[in-house]
Amino acid sequence: MDSYSHLHSFIQEALEDIAQMDEGMRDMTILMQQTQQTQRRKQQILKQVRYDLLWSRMLPLGDILSSLPRMVREMSNKYNKQVNLKLFGTGTLVDKSILEKLYDPFVHLVRNAFDHGTESAQNRLDRGKPLIASIEIRAYYRGNQTYIEIKDDGQGINLDKVKAKAIASGLLSPDQASQITDEEIYQLLFEPN
């Protein structure tokens, strides 16, 4: 009987230890789940902060385009050309650091469109075009990309003049110029000088 009672109390203690371990495991599981939930909440908060930070750096494209209509009006008066600059999508948001880098290229492209793209009033009338030339800047989103298009309704690019300038600048030899494709000629427009 003594040995039964001793065995019984040993088994009883072992069962209580197992029950305590089981309870400890459940507590640890609950603690682990709470920790995972806290971790997920922190990740969501960090994603939101990152998203908000990115959007706080965004500015409307119109911020840098606002001075271009005045520039075109002044050039129109100076060179006696009637040109209208049309801006579309000025509310399109662009990262501030990129936006700052776009100003000079915009000025360059608009000046090129004015100088080389648009014709004089008489040439436009002779070609059956409206008296007032048009330069357009259009910005829009497509998917997660921002597109900016600049176009004019002028005479287009004279490929022979581009080739001649490339030969004169030493970018091409006359042999290379005779074999170059139109697409390669257009790429020359982005070369210095």
Protein backbone atom coordinates (compact mmCIF):
# COMPACT_ATOMS: atom_id res chain seq x y z
CA MET A 1 0.00 0.00 0.00
CA ASP A 2 2.88 2.31 0.89
CA SER A 3 4.53 1.68 -2.41
CA TYR A 4 1.21 2.23 -4.20
CA SER A 5 0.71 5.52 -2.36
CA HIS A 6 4.27 6.58 -3.11
CA LEU A 7 3.85 5.65 -6.80
CA HIS A 8 0.47 7.32 -6.87
CA SER A 9 1.80 10.59 -5.43
CA PHE A 10 4.81 10.45 -7.84
CA ILE A 11 2.44 10.00 -10.80
CA GLN A 12 0.20 12.75 -9.44
CA GLU A 13 3.18 15.14 -9.22
CA ALA A 14 4.29 14.19 -12.71
CA LEU A 15 0.76 14.84 -14.06
CA GLU A 16 0.71 18.23 -12.33
CA ASP A 17 4.12 19.09 -13.80
CA ILE A 18 2.89 18.09 -17.26
CA ALA A 19 -0.26 20.20 -16.77
CA GLN A 20 1.89 23.17 -15.71
CA MET A 21 4.16 22.68 -18.72
CA ASP A 22 1.12 22.46 -20.97
CA GLU A 23 -0.23 25.69 -19.46
CA GLY A 24 3.18 27.33 -19.91
CA MET A 25 3.24 26.22 -23.57
CA ARG A 26 -0.23 27.72 -24.12
CA ASP A 27 0.91 30.97 -22.49
CA MET A 28 4.00 31.01 -24.71
CA THR A 29 1.83 30.37 -27.80
CA ILE A 30 -0.46 33.26 -26.86
CA LEU A 31 2.56 35.48 -26.22
CA MET A 32 4.05 34.47 -29.59
CA GLN A 33 0.77 35.28 -31.38
CA GLN A 34 0.61 38.67 -29.67
CA THR A 35 4.21 39.34 -30.66
CA GLN A 36 3.46 38.42 -34.28
CA GLN A 37 0.41 40.71 -34.30
CA THR A 38 2.49 43.55 -32.87
CA GLN A 39 5.15 42.89 -35.51
CA ARG A 40 2.55 42.96 -38.30
CA ARG A 41 1.11 46.25 -36.96
CA LYS A 42 4.60 47.77 -36.84
CA GLN A 43 5.25 46.67 -40.44
CA GLN A 44 1.94 48.21 -41.56
CA ILE A 45 2.76 51.46 -39.76
CA LEU A 46 6.23 51.54 -41.31
CA LYS A 47 4.77 50.92 -44.78
CA GLN A 48 2.28 53.74 -44.24
CA VAL A 49 5.01 56.10 -43.01
CA ARG A 50 7.16 55.21 -46.03
CA TYR A 51 4.21 55.75 -48.38
CA ASP A 52 3.38 59.09 -46.73
CA LEU A 53 7.03 60.14 -46.91
CA LEU A 54 7.21 59.32 -50.61
CA TRP A 55 4.03 61.27 -51.32
CA SER A 56 5.26 64.22 -49.25
CA ARG A 57 8.17 64.51 -51.70
CA MET A 58 5.81 64.72 -54.67
CA LEU A 59 5.05 68.06 -56.29
CA PRO A 60 2.77 68.93 -59.21
CA LEU A 61 4.51 69.23 -62.56
CA GLY A 62 2.88 72.63 -62.99
CA ASP A 63 5.29 74.05 -60.38
CA ILE A 64 8.13 74.02 -62.92
CA LEU A 65 6.02 74.52 -66.04
CA SER A 66 4.42 77.75 -64.83
CA SER A 67 7.22 79.98 -66.18
CA LEU A 68 7.25 78.45 -69.67
CA PRO A 69 4.14 80.22 -71.10
CA ARG A 70 5.69 83.61 -70.29
CA MET A 71 8.96 82.52 -71.92
CA VAL A 72 7.09 81.47 -75.09
CA ARG A 73 5.15 84.79 -75.17
CA GLU A 74 8.41 86.74 -74.88
CA MET A 75 10.03 84.69 -77.66
CA SER A 76 6.89 85.15 -79.80
CA ASN A 77 7.18 88.92 -79.47
CA LYS A 78 10.94 88.94 -80.00
CA TYR A 79 10.98 86.69 -83.11
CA ASN A 80 7.59 87.73 -84.50
CA LYS A 81 6.18 84.18 -84.40
CA GLN A 82 2.73 83.43 -83.06
CA VAL A 83 3.07 80.37 -80.83
CA ASN A 84 0.72 79.13 -78.13
CA LEU A 85 2.00 76.84 -75.37
CA LYS A 86 -0.63 74.41 -74.05
CA LEU A 87 -0.10 72.58 -70.79
CA PHE A 88 -2.05 69.41 -69.90
CA GLY A 89 -1.71 67.37 -66.73
CA THR A 90 -0.01 70.08 -64.69
CA GLY A 91 -1.37 68.44 -61.54
CA THR A 92 0.57 65.25 -62.27
CA LEU A 93 2.78 64.58 -59.26
CA VAL A 94 6.52 64.00 -59.69
CA ASP A 95 9.23 63.45 -57.08
CA LYS A 96 10.73 66.81 -56.06
CA SER A 97 14.33 65.80 -56.82
CA ILE A 98 13.37 64.64 -60.31
CA LEU A 99 11.19 67.69 -60.89
CA GLU A 100 14.11 70.01 -60.16
CA LYS A 101 16.23 68.17 -62.74
CA LEU A 102 13.50 68.45 -65.40
CA TYR A 103 13.35 72.25 -65.60
CA ASP A 104 16.40 72.81 -67.84
CA PRO A 105 15.48 69.99 -70.27
CA PHE A 106 11.93 71.42 -70.52
CA VAL A 107 13.28 74.88 -71.31
CA HIS A 108 15.63 73.38 -73.91
CA LEU A 109 12.90 71.29 -75.56
CA VAL A 110 10.41 74.15 -75.66
CA ARG A 111 13.04 76.51 -77.12
CA ASN A 112 13.94 73.89 -79.74
CA ALA A 113 10.27 73.41 -80.60
CA PHE A 114 9.90 77.20 -80.90
CA ASP A 115 13.13 77.81 -82.85
CA HIS A 116 13.24 74.77 -85.10
CA GLY A 117 9.79 73.21 -85.01
CA THR A 118 7.42 76.10 -85.61
CA GLU A 119 7.46 77.98 -88.88
CA SER A 120 6.94 81.66 -89.57
CA ALA A 121 3.35 82.87 -89.97
CA GLN A 122 3.65 83.06 -93.77
CA ASN A 123 5.11 79.54 -94.07
CA ARG A 124 2.27 78.21 -91.91
CA LEU A 125 -0.34 79.89 -94.09
CA ASP A 126 1.38 78.61 -97.27
CA ARG A 127 1.18 75.06 -95.87
CA GLY A 128 -2.48 75.41 -94.93
CA LYS A 129 -1.82 75.41 -91.20
CA PRO A 130 -3.41 77.70 -88.62
CA LEU A 131 -1.63 81.03 -88.21
CA ILE A 132 -0.85 80.35 -84.54
CA ALA A 133 1.60 77.50 -83.97
CA SER A 134 1.09 75.18 -81.03
CA ILE A 135 3.48 73.56 -78.58
CA GLU A 136 1.99 71.06 -76.12
CA ILE A 137 3.31 69.55 -72.92
CA ARG A 138 1.20 66.67 -71.68
CA ALA A 139 1.79 64.67 -68.49
CA TYR A 140 -0.14 61.61 -67.35
CA TYR A 141 0.12 58.34 -65.50
CA ARG A 142 -0.01 54.95 -67.15
CA GLY A 143 0.16 52.19 -64.58
CA ASN A 144 2.86 53.11 -62.11
CA GLN A 145 4.80 55.21 -64.64
CA THR A 146 4.63 58.92 -65.37
CA TYR A 147 4.73 59.99 -69.01
CA ILE A 148 5.60 63.48 -70.22
CA GLU A 149 5.16 64.29 -73.90
CA ILE A 150 6.28 67.46 -75.66
CA LYS A 151 5.17 68.09 -79.21
CA ASP A 152 4.68 70.90 -81.67
CA ASP A 153 2.65 71.20 -84.86
CA GLY A 154 5.60 72.50 -86.83
CA GLN A 155 7.58 71.30 -89.79
CA GLY A 156 9.20 68.30 -88.12
CA ILE A 157 12.87 67.38 -88.03
CA ASN A 158 14.91 67.90 -91.18
CA LEU A 159 17.03 64.73 -91.15
CA ASP A 160 19.42 66.03 -93.83
CA LYS A 161 20.24 69.09 -91.68
CA VAL A 162 20.84 66.87 -88.66
CA LYS A 163 23.20 64.67 -90.70
CA ALA A 164 25.05 67.70 -92.06
CA LYS A 165 25.45 69.14 -88.56
CA ALA A 166 26.69 65.75 -87.26
CA ILE A 167 29.28 65.58 -90.05
CA ALA A 168 30.35 69.19 -89.40
CA SER A 169 30.66 68.48 -85.66
CA GLY A 170 32.72 65.35 -86.29
CA LEU A 171 30.12 62.98 -84.84
CA LEU A 172 29.81 61.18 -88.18
CA SER A 173 31.94 60.65 -91.23
CA PRO A 174 30.26 61.11 -94.64
CA ASP A 175 30.38 57.29 -95.13
CA GLN A 176 28.64 56.71 -91.80
CA ALA A 177 26.06 59.38 -92.62
CA SER A 178 25.08 57.60 -95.82
CA GLN A 179 24.41 54.34 -93.94
CA ILE A 180 22.73 55.67 -90.81
CA THR A 181 19.04 54.91 -90.11
CA ASP A 182 16.42 57.55 -89.33
CA GLU A 183 16.22 56.31 -85.74
CA GLU A 184 19.98 56.77 -85.35
CA ILE A 185 19.68 60.28 -86.79
CA TYR A 186 17.04 61.12 -84.18
CA GLN A 187 19.40 59.88 -81.47
CA LEU A 188 22.01 62.39 -82.67
CA LEU A 189 19.69 65.17 -81.50
CA PHE A 190 20.63 64.28 -77.93
CA GLU A 191 24.36 64.74 -78.51
CA PRO A 192 26.02 67.94 -77.26
CA ASN A 193 26.24 70.76 -79.85
